[in-house]
Each structure stands twice: as structure tokens, then as C-alpha cells.
Amino acid sequence: MRMNHGKSVLLQIAGASALVAALGLVAMGLSQCRGIDDPVLGAHGRSNPGLAVEVNRCNRGCIDQYKQCVAQENSRHREGERQCNLLPDRRQREACLEAEEQLHERNLESCATAMQQCKRDCGYREGSAGGGR
């Protein structure tokens, strides 16, 4: 019996490790948004609508990747909670659930941080005083 319990804990650890690796890959993917180095204003001082469209497209991509990251994390979290609730000892179960909740919060923060970096990498910074380059 003890051996089976040890295996379930090992499965939880392996699952958490796999999630961290997956989130790392998602974060790397989110940070790969192509930056735009074009000036916001054209030669005649008019706004550059092509740039705005590209930036909006990039930002939408960042948001879509964020939503996917959160959905994957929520799925992983539900499975983690399910595994914790299978533990026979109440104290171990509570400790597992607490650790799972903390991991879930950190992973959601990672999703948000990756989205913010992706948006920064999109290249649009209104009011950043870079118009006179």
C-alpha cells in the first residue's frame, strides 16, 4: 500500500514537472512575437495605419496565447487537485492541495507575465518619445 502511495506522489511530481516544462515552452513561444521597428509616423507626419493593424494583430496573438496558457493551466490544476484528493491521509491531502494552489497561482502569473512581454515585443509604445529617431 505504501508503495502505491509513493507512486501516486511520484506521478504528481512528474505531472507538475511536465507542466512547468510546458509553461516554460509557452512562455518562450509568447516571447517570440516579432517586434516592429517601423516609426509610428510616416514621412508626412500622418499616422501609419499599416503599423497599427500589425500591432493590433500581434497584440491579439498575445491575448490568444495567454488564453491558451490559462486554459492549459486550469486543466492541469484540476488534474492536480484530483490527484491530491486521492491521497488517503487527510494531512497529506491538505498539504498537497495547498501546494497545488500555490503552483497554480505561480503558473497563472507566468501566463500573465508572458503575455505582457509578448505585447511589449509587438513594438507599439504610445507616447514613448521615439518619434524623432
C-alpha atoms as a PDB file:
ATOM      1  CA  MET A   1       0.000   0.000   0.000  1.00  0.00           C
ATOM      2  CA  ARG A   2       2.806   2.371   0.883  1.00  0.00           C
ATOM      3  CA  MET A   3       4.406   1.676  -2.448  1.00  0.00           C
ATOM      4  CA  ASN A   4       1.262   2.672  -4.363  1.00  0.00           C
ATOM      5  CA  HIS A   5       1.040   5.898  -2.376  1.00  0.00           C
ATOM      6  CA  GLY A   6       4.661   6.647  -3.233  1.00  0.00           C
ATOM      7  CA  LYS A   7       3.913   6.052  -6.892  1.00  0.00           C
ATOM      8  CA  SER A   8       0.992   8.498  -6.830  1.00  0.00           C
ATOM      9  CA  VAL A   9       3.205  11.155  -5.253  1.00  0.00           C
ATOM     10  CA  LEU A  10       5.829  10.472  -7.906  1.00  0.00           C
ATOM     11  CA  LEU A  11       3.156  10.792 -10.578  1.00  0.00           C
ATOM     12  CA  GLN A  12       2.122  14.134  -9.110  1.00  0.00           C
ATOM     13  CA  ILE A  13       5.707  15.341  -9.095  1.00  0.00           C
ATOM     14  CA  ALA A  14       6.185  14.147 -12.665  1.00  0.00           C
ATOM     15  CA  GLY A  15       2.956  15.853 -13.703  1.00  0.00           C
ATOM     16  CA  ALA A  16       3.980  19.109 -12.043  1.00  0.00           C
ATOM     17  CA  SER A  17       7.402  18.913 -13.703  1.00  0.00           C
ATOM     18  CA  ALA A  18       5.784  18.327 -17.076  1.00  0.00           C
ATOM     19  CA  LEU A  19       3.531  21.339 -16.535  1.00  0.00           C
ATOM     20  CA  VAL A  20       6.417  23.587 -15.578  1.00  0.00           C
ATOM     21  CA  ALA A  21       8.252  22.478 -18.707  1.00  0.00           C
ATOM     22  CA  ALA A  22       5.144  23.090 -20.831  1.00  0.00           C
ATOM     23  CA  LEU A  23       4.616  26.529 -19.314  1.00  0.00           C
ATOM     24  CA  GLY A  24       8.253  27.314 -19.976  1.00  0.00           C
ATOM     25  CA  LEU A  25       7.752  26.445 -23.626  1.00  0.00           C
ATOM     26  CA  VAL A  26       4.586  28.556 -23.761  1.00  0.00           C
ATOM     27  CA  ALA A  27       6.449  31.484 -22.195  1.00  0.00           C
ATOM     28  CA  MET A  28       9.236  31.096 -24.732  1.00  0.00           C
ATOM     29  CA  GLY A  29       6.667  31.000 -27.516  1.00  0.00           C
ATOM     30  CA  LEU A  30       4.930  34.100 -26.217  1.00  0.00           C
ATOM     31  CA  SER A  31       8.218  35.976 -26.061  1.00  0.00           C
ATOM     32  CA  GLN A  32       8.851  35.271 -29.745  1.00  0.00           C
ATOM     33  CA  CYS A  33       6.373  37.845 -31.057  1.00  0.00           C
ATOM     34  CA  ARG A  34       8.038  39.731 -33.873  1.00  0.00           C
ATOM     35  CA  GLY A  35       8.879  43.272 -32.836  1.00  0.00           C
ATOM     36  CA  ILE A  36       8.086  46.119 -35.215  1.00  0.00           C
ATOM     37  CA  ASP A  37      10.829  48.692 -35.627  1.00  0.00           C
ATOM     38  CA  ASP A  38       8.974  50.968 -38.057  1.00  0.00           C
ATOM     39  CA  PRO A  39       8.284  54.521 -36.892  1.00  0.00           C
ATOM     40  CA  VAL A  40       4.697  55.223 -35.899  1.00  0.00           C
ATOM     41  CA  LEU A  41       4.529  58.337 -38.064  1.00  0.00           C
ATOM     42  CA  GLY A  42       5.145  58.331 -41.806  1.00  0.00           C
ATOM     43  CA  ALA A  43       7.287  60.852 -43.684  1.00  0.00           C
ATOM     44  CA  HIS A  44       4.405  63.335 -43.862  1.00  0.00           C
ATOM     45  CA  GLY A  45       3.532  63.196 -40.172  1.00  0.00           C
ATOM     46  CA  ARG A  46       0.434  61.096 -40.746  1.00  0.00           C
ATOM     47  CA  SER A  47      -0.244  58.037 -38.659  1.00  0.00           C
ATOM     48  CA  ASN A  48       0.840  54.738 -40.122  1.00  0.00           C
ATOM     49  CA  PRO A  49      -2.351  52.619 -40.359  1.00  0.00           C
ATOM     50  CA  GLY A  50      -0.407  49.571 -41.584  1.00  0.00           C
ATOM     51  CA  LEU A  51       1.667  49.596 -38.412  1.00  0.00           C
ATOM     52  CA  ALA A  52      -1.421  49.922 -36.230  1.00  0.00           C
ATOM     53  CA  VAL A  53      -3.010  46.919 -37.945  1.00  0.00           C
ATOM     54  CA  GLU A  54       0.160  44.850 -37.488  1.00  0.00           C
ATOM     55  CA  VAL A  55       0.470  45.849 -33.816  1.00  0.00           C
ATOM     56  CA  ASN A  56      -3.190  45.020 -33.191  1.00  0.00           C
ATOM     57  CA  ARG A  57      -2.723  41.650 -34.885  1.00  0.00           C
ATOM     58  CA  CYS A  58       0.338  40.966 -32.745  1.00  0.00           C
ATOM     59  CA  ASN A  59      -1.496  42.011 -29.565  1.00  0.00           C
ATOM     60  CA  ARG A  60      -4.434  39.752 -30.451  1.00  0.00           C
ATOM     61  CA  GLY A  61      -1.968  36.900 -30.909  1.00  0.00           C
ATOM     62  CA  CYS A  62      -0.541  37.605 -27.453  1.00  0.00           C
ATOM     63  CA  ILE A  63      -4.013  37.549 -25.935  1.00  0.00           C
ATOM     64  CA  ASP A  64      -4.909  34.320 -27.724  1.00  0.00           C
ATOM     65  CA  GLN A  65      -1.699  32.674 -26.468  1.00  0.00           C
ATOM     66  CA  TYR A  66      -2.472  33.932 -22.950  1.00  0.00           C
ATOM     67  CA  LYS A  67      -5.950  32.414 -23.083  1.00  0.00           C
ATOM     68  CA  GLN A  68      -4.473  29.118 -24.246  1.00  0.00           C
ATOM     69  CA  CYS A  69      -1.876  29.220 -21.458  1.00  0.00           C
ATOM     70  CA  VAL A  70      -4.586  29.853 -18.826  1.00  0.00           C
ATOM     71  CA  ALA A  71      -6.810  27.099 -20.218  1.00  0.00           C
ATOM     72  CA  GLN A  72      -3.928  24.611 -20.129  1.00  0.00           C
ATOM     73  CA  GLU A  73      -3.026  25.653 -16.598  1.00  0.00           C
ATOM     74  CA  ASN A  74      -6.626  25.362 -15.408  1.00  0.00           C
ATOM     75  CA  SER A  75      -6.813  21.866 -16.868  1.00  0.00           C
ATOM     76  CA  ARG A  76      -3.521  20.894 -15.226  1.00  0.00           C
ATOM     77  CA  HIS A  77      -4.718  22.375 -11.929  1.00  0.00           C
ATOM     78  CA  ARG A  78      -7.961  20.385 -11.965  1.00  0.00           C
ATOM     79  CA  GLU A  79      -5.976  17.196 -12.541  1.00  0.00           C
ATOM     80  CA  GLY A  80      -3.547  18.138  -9.766  1.00  0.00           C
ATOM     81  CA  GLU A  81      -6.420  18.674  -7.348  1.00  0.00           C
ATOM     82  CA  ARG A  82      -7.936  15.364  -8.395  1.00  0.00           C
ATOM     83  CA  GLN A  83      -4.642  13.605  -7.672  1.00  0.00           C
ATOM     84  CA  CYS A  84      -4.330  15.329  -4.286  1.00  0.00           C
ATOM     85  CA  ASN A  85      -7.836  14.291  -3.331  1.00  0.00           C
ATOM     86  CA  LEU A  86      -6.876  10.642  -3.941  1.00  0.00           C
ATOM     87  CA  LEU A  87      -4.350  10.741  -1.091  1.00  0.00           C
ATOM     88  CA  PRO A  88      -5.647   8.674   1.836  1.00  0.00           C
ATOM     89  CA  ASP A  89      -4.112  10.748   4.642  1.00  0.00           C
ATOM     90  CA  ARG A  90      -6.018  13.983   5.401  1.00  0.00           C
ATOM     91  CA  ARG A  91      -2.885  15.973   6.327  1.00  0.00           C
ATOM     92  CA  GLN A  92      -1.057  14.896   3.180  1.00  0.00           C
ATOM     93  CA  ARG A  93      -4.147  15.679   1.121  1.00  0.00           C
ATOM     94  CA  GLU A  94      -4.427  19.186   2.611  1.00  0.00           C
ATOM     95  CA  ALA A  95      -0.704  19.853   2.148  1.00  0.00           C
ATOM     96  CA  CYS A  96      -0.912  18.612  -1.443  1.00  0.00           C
ATOM     97  CA  LEU A  97      -3.928  20.830  -2.176  1.00  0.00           C
ATOM     98  CA  GLU A  98      -2.189  23.854  -0.644  1.00  0.00           C
ATOM     99  CA  ALA A  99       0.961  23.227  -2.702  1.00  0.00           C
ATOM    100  CA  GLU A 100      -1.172  22.713  -5.802  1.00  0.00           C
ATOM    101  CA  GLU A 101      -2.971  26.020  -5.225  1.00  0.00           C
ATOM    102  CA  GLN A 102       0.325  27.869  -4.830  1.00  0.00           C
ATOM    103  CA  LEU A 103       1.701  26.270  -8.003  1.00  0.00           C
ATOM    104  CA  HIS A 104      -1.492  27.205  -9.837  1.00  0.00           C
ATOM    105  CA  GLU A 105      -1.163  30.861  -8.799  1.00  0.00           C
ATOM    106  CA  ARG A 106       2.508  30.973  -9.868  1.00  0.00           C
ATOM    107  CA  ASN A 107       1.681  29.397 -13.218  1.00  0.00           C
ATOM    108  CA  LEU A 108      -1.149  31.872 -13.864  1.00  0.00           C
ATOM    109  CA  GLU A 109       1.251  34.707 -13.021  1.00  0.00           C
ATOM    110  CA  SER A 110       3.705  33.234 -15.544  1.00  0.00           C
ATOM    111  CA  CYS A 111       0.989  33.270 -18.202  1.00  0.00           C
ATOM    112  CA  ALA A 112       0.246  36.937 -17.472  1.00  0.00           C
ATOM    113  CA  THR A 113       3.927  37.902 -17.438  1.00  0.00           C
ATOM    114  CA  ALA A 114       4.495  36.133 -20.760  1.00  0.00           C
ATOM    115  CA  MET A 115       1.525  37.988 -22.279  1.00  0.00           C
ATOM    116  CA  GLN A 116       2.824  41.354 -21.070  1.00  0.00           C
ATOM    117  CA  GLN A 117       6.259  40.629 -22.531  1.00  0.00           C
ATOM    118  CA  CYS A 118       4.685  39.497 -25.803  1.00  0.00           C
ATOM    119  CA  LYS A 119       2.735  42.764 -26.037  1.00  0.00           C
ATOM    120  CA  ARG A 120       5.895  44.770 -25.331  1.00  0.00           C
ATOM    121  CA  ASP A 121       7.612  42.820 -28.093  1.00  0.00           C
ATOM    122  CA  CYS A 122       4.832  43.816 -30.501  1.00  0.00           C
ATOM    123  CA  GLY A 123       6.583  47.166 -30.766  1.00  0.00           C
ATOM    124  CA  TYR A 124       3.880  49.705 -30.080  1.00  0.00           C
ATOM    125  CA  ARG A 125       4.607  52.065 -27.212  1.00  0.00           C
ATOM    126  CA  GLU A 126       2.331  55.076 -27.404  1.00  0.00           C
ATOM    127  CA  GLY A 127       3.991  58.190 -26.032  1.00  0.00           C
ATOM    128  CA  SER A 128       7.418  56.608 -25.735  1.00  0.00           C
ATOM    129  CA  ALA A 129       9.029  59.702 -27.321  1.00  0.00           C
ATOM    130  CA  GLY A 130      10.643  57.662 -30.082  1.00  0.00           C
ATOM    131  CA  GLY A 131       9.039  59.607 -32.964  1.00  0.00           C
ATOM    132  CA  GLY A 132      12.082  61.772 -33.658  1.00  0.00           C
ATOM    133  CA  ARG A 133      14.501  58.959 -34.386  1.00  0.00           C
END
